[in-house]
Amino acid sequence: MACVAADNFKPIEIPADVRKKWRLLVKCLARCAIFSLIAQASIVVKFVLGVLILASLFSWWYIFAKMFLVRRAKNQANAFEQEFWGGSDLIGMYQRASTGQYDPAGMERIFEAGFKDS
């Protein structure tokens, strides 16, 4: 088997023992596929892998849940801030917050506590 060297473009002969080792490596990698390894593993290894997969799925679910929660809180804070600085009636905003027409959270709670004290 001949290869072409990049520097002078002359064919280089690959030794037979290197080709044999390469073929053996390729066969081993084909036989050692991940599913084959899992199928041949003991019950303890399969259990540990299952626990790790479940923990991974739970952690990704938690990451996305927190991401959506933070996004919703940010949108609510932006909406409140626009209403607050937009010159709307502060007494009306306080009455809506204190009567429970909506669930005050974040900046609304601070506004409600500060307005109640003044």
C-alpha atoms as a PDB file:
ATOM      1  CA  MET A   1       0.000   0.000   0.000  1.00  0.00           C
ATOM      2  CA  ALA A   2       1.428   3.385  -0.946  1.00  0.00           C
ATOM      3  CA  CYS A   3       0.779   6.843   0.441  1.00  0.00           C
ATOM      4  CA  VAL A   4       1.796  10.182  -0.937  1.00  0.00           C
ATOM      5  CA  ALA A   5       3.959  12.404   1.258  1.00  0.00           C
ATOM      6  CA  ALA A   6       2.838  16.025   1.436  1.00  0.00           C
ATOM      7  CA  ASP A   7       6.284  17.574   1.080  1.00  0.00           C
ATOM      8  CA  ASN A   8       7.633  15.952  -2.097  1.00  0.00           C
ATOM      9  CA  PHE A   9       4.674  13.979  -3.478  1.00  0.00           C
ATOM     10  CA  LYS A  10       6.613  10.706  -3.741  1.00  0.00           C
ATOM     11  CA  PRO A  11       4.837   7.508  -2.705  1.00  0.00           C
ATOM     12  CA  ILE A  12       5.812   6.097   0.687  1.00  0.00           C
ATOM     13  CA  GLU A  13       5.394   2.425   1.375  1.00  0.00           C
ATOM     14  CA  ILE A  14       3.590   1.639   4.653  1.00  0.00           C
ATOM     15  CA  PRO A  15       5.164  -1.363   6.367  1.00  0.00           C
ATOM     16  CA  ALA A  16       3.083  -4.524   6.571  1.00  0.00           C
ATOM     17  CA  ASP A  17       3.223  -4.703  10.370  1.00  0.00           C
ATOM     18  CA  VAL A  18       1.807  -1.152  10.647  1.00  0.00           C
ATOM     19  CA  ARG A  19      -1.023  -2.055   8.251  1.00  0.00           C
ATOM     20  CA  LYS A  20      -1.740  -5.192  10.296  1.00  0.00           C
ATOM     21  CA  LYS A  21      -1.863  -3.212  13.546  1.00  0.00           C
ATOM     22  CA  TRP A  22      -4.114  -0.614  11.924  1.00  0.00           C
ATOM     23  CA  ARG A  23      -6.568  -3.272  10.751  1.00  0.00           C
ATOM     24  CA  LEU A  24      -6.554  -4.846  14.228  1.00  0.00           C
ATOM     25  CA  LEU A  25      -7.275  -1.453  15.816  1.00  0.00           C
ATOM     26  CA  VAL A  26     -10.166  -0.798  13.439  1.00  0.00           C
ATOM     27  CA  LYS A  27     -11.671  -4.234  14.154  1.00  0.00           C
ATOM     28  CA  CYS A  28     -11.329  -3.703  17.905  1.00  0.00           C
ATOM     29  CA  LEU A  29     -12.996  -0.298  17.727  1.00  0.00           C
ATOM     30  CA  ALA A  30     -15.848  -1.777  15.681  1.00  0.00           C
ATOM     31  CA  ARG A  31     -16.349  -4.525  18.261  1.00  0.00           C
ATOM     32  CA  CYS A  32     -16.048  -2.144  21.226  1.00  0.00           C
ATOM     33  CA  ALA A  33     -18.943   0.079  20.308  1.00  0.00           C
ATOM     34  CA  ILE A  34     -20.649   1.779  23.253  1.00  0.00           C
ATOM     35  CA  PHE A  35     -23.805  -0.311  23.012  1.00  0.00           C
ATOM     36  CA  SER A  36     -21.776  -3.481  22.886  1.00  0.00           C
ATOM     37  CA  LEU A  37     -19.912  -2.415  26.013  1.00  0.00           C
ATOM     38  CA  ILE A  38     -23.151  -1.652  27.822  1.00  0.00           C
ATOM     39  CA  ALA A  39     -24.729  -4.937  26.743  1.00  0.00           C
ATOM     40  CA  GLN A  40     -21.768  -6.887  28.099  1.00  0.00           C
ATOM     41  CA  ALA A  41     -21.594  -4.936  31.381  1.00  0.00           C
ATOM     42  CA  SER A  42     -22.707  -6.285  34.745  1.00  0.00           C
ATOM     43  CA  ILE A  43     -25.996  -5.314  36.361  1.00  0.00           C
ATOM     44  CA  VAL A  44     -24.200  -2.948  38.753  1.00  0.00           C
ATOM     45  CA  VAL A  45     -22.622  -1.035  35.879  1.00  0.00           C
ATOM     46  CA  LYS A  46     -25.957  -0.850  34.073  1.00  0.00           C
ATOM     47  CA  PHE A  47     -27.627   0.441  37.244  1.00  0.00           C
ATOM     48  CA  VAL A  48     -24.960   3.121  37.727  1.00  0.00           C
ATOM     49  CA  LEU A  49     -25.274   4.181  34.083  1.00  0.00           C
ATOM     50  CA  GLY A  50     -29.049   4.383  34.473  1.00  0.00           C
ATOM     51  CA  VAL A  51     -28.723   6.537  37.591  1.00  0.00           C
ATOM     52  CA  LEU A  52     -26.253   8.816  35.804  1.00  0.00           C
ATOM     53  CA  ILE A  53     -28.558   9.183  32.803  1.00  0.00           C
ATOM     54  CA  LEU A  54     -31.519  10.009  35.055  1.00  0.00           C
ATOM     55  CA  ALA A  55     -29.431  12.538  36.994  1.00  0.00           C
ATOM     56  CA  SER A  56     -28.341  14.129  33.735  1.00  0.00           C
ATOM     57  CA  LEU A  57     -31.909  14.375  32.456  1.00  0.00           C
ATOM     58  CA  PHE A  58     -33.075  15.858  35.761  1.00  0.00           C
ATOM     59  CA  SER A  59     -30.286  18.427  35.783  1.00  0.00           C
ATOM     60  CA  TRP A  60     -31.077  19.531  32.213  1.00  0.00           C
ATOM     61  CA  TRP A  61     -34.773  19.806  33.117  1.00  0.00           C
ATOM     62  CA  TYR A  62     -33.847  21.934  36.138  1.00  0.00           C
ATOM     63  CA  ILE A  63     -31.555  24.152  34.062  1.00  0.00           C
ATOM     64  CA  PHE A  64     -34.288  24.861  31.521  1.00  0.00           C
ATOM     65  CA  ALA A  65     -36.953  25.361  34.210  1.00  0.00           C
ATOM     66  CA  LYS A  66     -34.769  27.953  35.931  1.00  0.00           C
ATOM     67  CA  MET A  67     -33.980  29.602  32.605  1.00  0.00           C
ATOM     68  CA  PHE A  68     -37.693  30.029  31.846  1.00  0.00           C
ATOM     69  CA  LEU A  69     -38.380  31.240  35.403  1.00  0.00           C
ATOM     70  CA  VAL A  70     -35.665  33.892  35.177  1.00  0.00           C
ATOM     71  CA  ARG A  71     -36.904  34.976  31.747  1.00  0.00           C
ATOM     72  CA  ARG A  72     -40.471  35.343  33.054  1.00  0.00           C
ATOM     73  CA  ALA A  73     -39.287  37.335  36.107  1.00  0.00           C
ATOM     74  CA  LYS A  74     -37.227  39.601  33.859  1.00  0.00           C
ATOM     75  CA  ASN A  75     -40.227  40.235  31.589  1.00  0.00           C
ATOM     76  CA  GLN A  76     -42.432  40.993  34.613  1.00  0.00           C
ATOM     77  CA  ALA A  77     -39.822  43.385  36.015  1.00  0.00           C
ATOM     78  CA  ASN A  78     -39.525  45.159  32.668  1.00  0.00           C
ATOM     79  CA  ALA A  79     -43.315  45.495  32.389  1.00  0.00           C
ATOM     80  CA  PHE A  80     -43.570  46.891  35.922  1.00  0.00           C
ATOM     81  CA  GLU A  81     -40.702  49.285  35.332  1.00  0.00           C
ATOM     82  CA  GLN A  82     -42.296  50.587  32.127  1.00  0.00           C
ATOM     83  CA  GLU A  83     -45.581  51.127  33.967  1.00  0.00           C
ATOM     84  CA  PHE A  84     -43.843  52.752  36.950  1.00  0.00           C
ATOM     85  CA  TRP A  85     -41.670  55.155  34.946  1.00  0.00           C
ATOM     86  CA  GLY A  86     -44.362  55.703  32.328  1.00  0.00           C
ATOM     87  CA  GLY A  87     -46.160  58.159  34.584  1.00  0.00           C
ATOM     88  CA  SER A  88     -49.064  55.944  35.527  1.00  0.00           C
ATOM     89  CA  ASP A  89     -51.077  56.449  38.709  1.00  0.00           C
ATOM     90  CA  LEU A  90     -48.960  55.194  41.619  1.00  0.00           C
ATOM     91  CA  ILE A  91     -51.941  54.981  43.958  1.00  0.00           C
ATOM     92  CA  GLY A  92     -53.756  52.805  41.430  1.00  0.00           C
ATOM     93  CA  MET A  93     -50.684  50.575  41.081  1.00  0.00           C
ATOM     94  CA  TYR A  94     -50.506  50.209  44.868  1.00  0.00           C
ATOM     95  CA  GLN A  95     -54.207  49.393  45.152  1.00  0.00           C
ATOM     96  CA  ARG A  96     -53.916  46.704  42.459  1.00  0.00           C
ATOM     97  CA  ALA A  97     -50.928  45.204  44.293  1.00  0.00           C
ATOM     98  CA  SER A  98     -52.436  45.387  47.781  1.00  0.00           C
ATOM     99  CA  THR A  99     -55.901  44.066  46.867  1.00  0.00           C
ATOM    100  CA  GLY A 100     -54.436  40.958  45.231  1.00  0.00           C
ATOM    101  CA  GLN A 101     -55.626  41.617  41.682  1.00  0.00           C
ATOM    102  CA  TYR A 102     -52.314  40.206  40.589  1.00  0.00           C
ATOM    103  CA  ASP A 103     -49.536  38.405  42.397  1.00  0.00           C
ATOM    104  CA  PRO A 104     -46.874  40.955  43.216  1.00  0.00           C
ATOM    105  CA  ALA A 105     -43.346  39.639  42.762  1.00  0.00           C
ATOM    106  CA  GLY A 106     -39.911  41.173  42.697  1.00  0.00           C
ATOM    107  CA  MET A 107     -40.054  44.892  42.040  1.00  0.00           C
ATOM    108  CA  GLU A 108     -43.790  45.015  42.689  1.00  0.00           C
ATOM    109  CA  ARG A 109     -43.261  43.761  46.261  1.00  0.00           C
ATOM    110  CA  ILE A 110     -40.604  46.402  46.879  1.00  0.00           C
ATOM    111  CA  PHE A 111     -42.900  49.082  45.480  1.00  0.00           C
ATOM    112  CA  GLU A 112     -45.823  47.855  47.602  1.00  0.00           C
ATOM    113  CA  ALA A 113     -43.748  47.795  50.812  1.00  0.00           C
ATOM    114  CA  GLY A 114     -42.231  51.197  50.127  1.00  0.00           C
ATOM    115  CA  PHE A 115     -45.523  52.812  49.184  1.00  0.00           C
ATOM    116  CA  LYS A 116     -47.271  51.354  52.271  1.00  0.00           C
ATOM    117  CA  ASP A 117     -44.615  52.869  54.562  1.00  0.00           C
ATOM    118  CA  SER A 118     -44.831  56.344  53.040  1.00  0.00           C
END
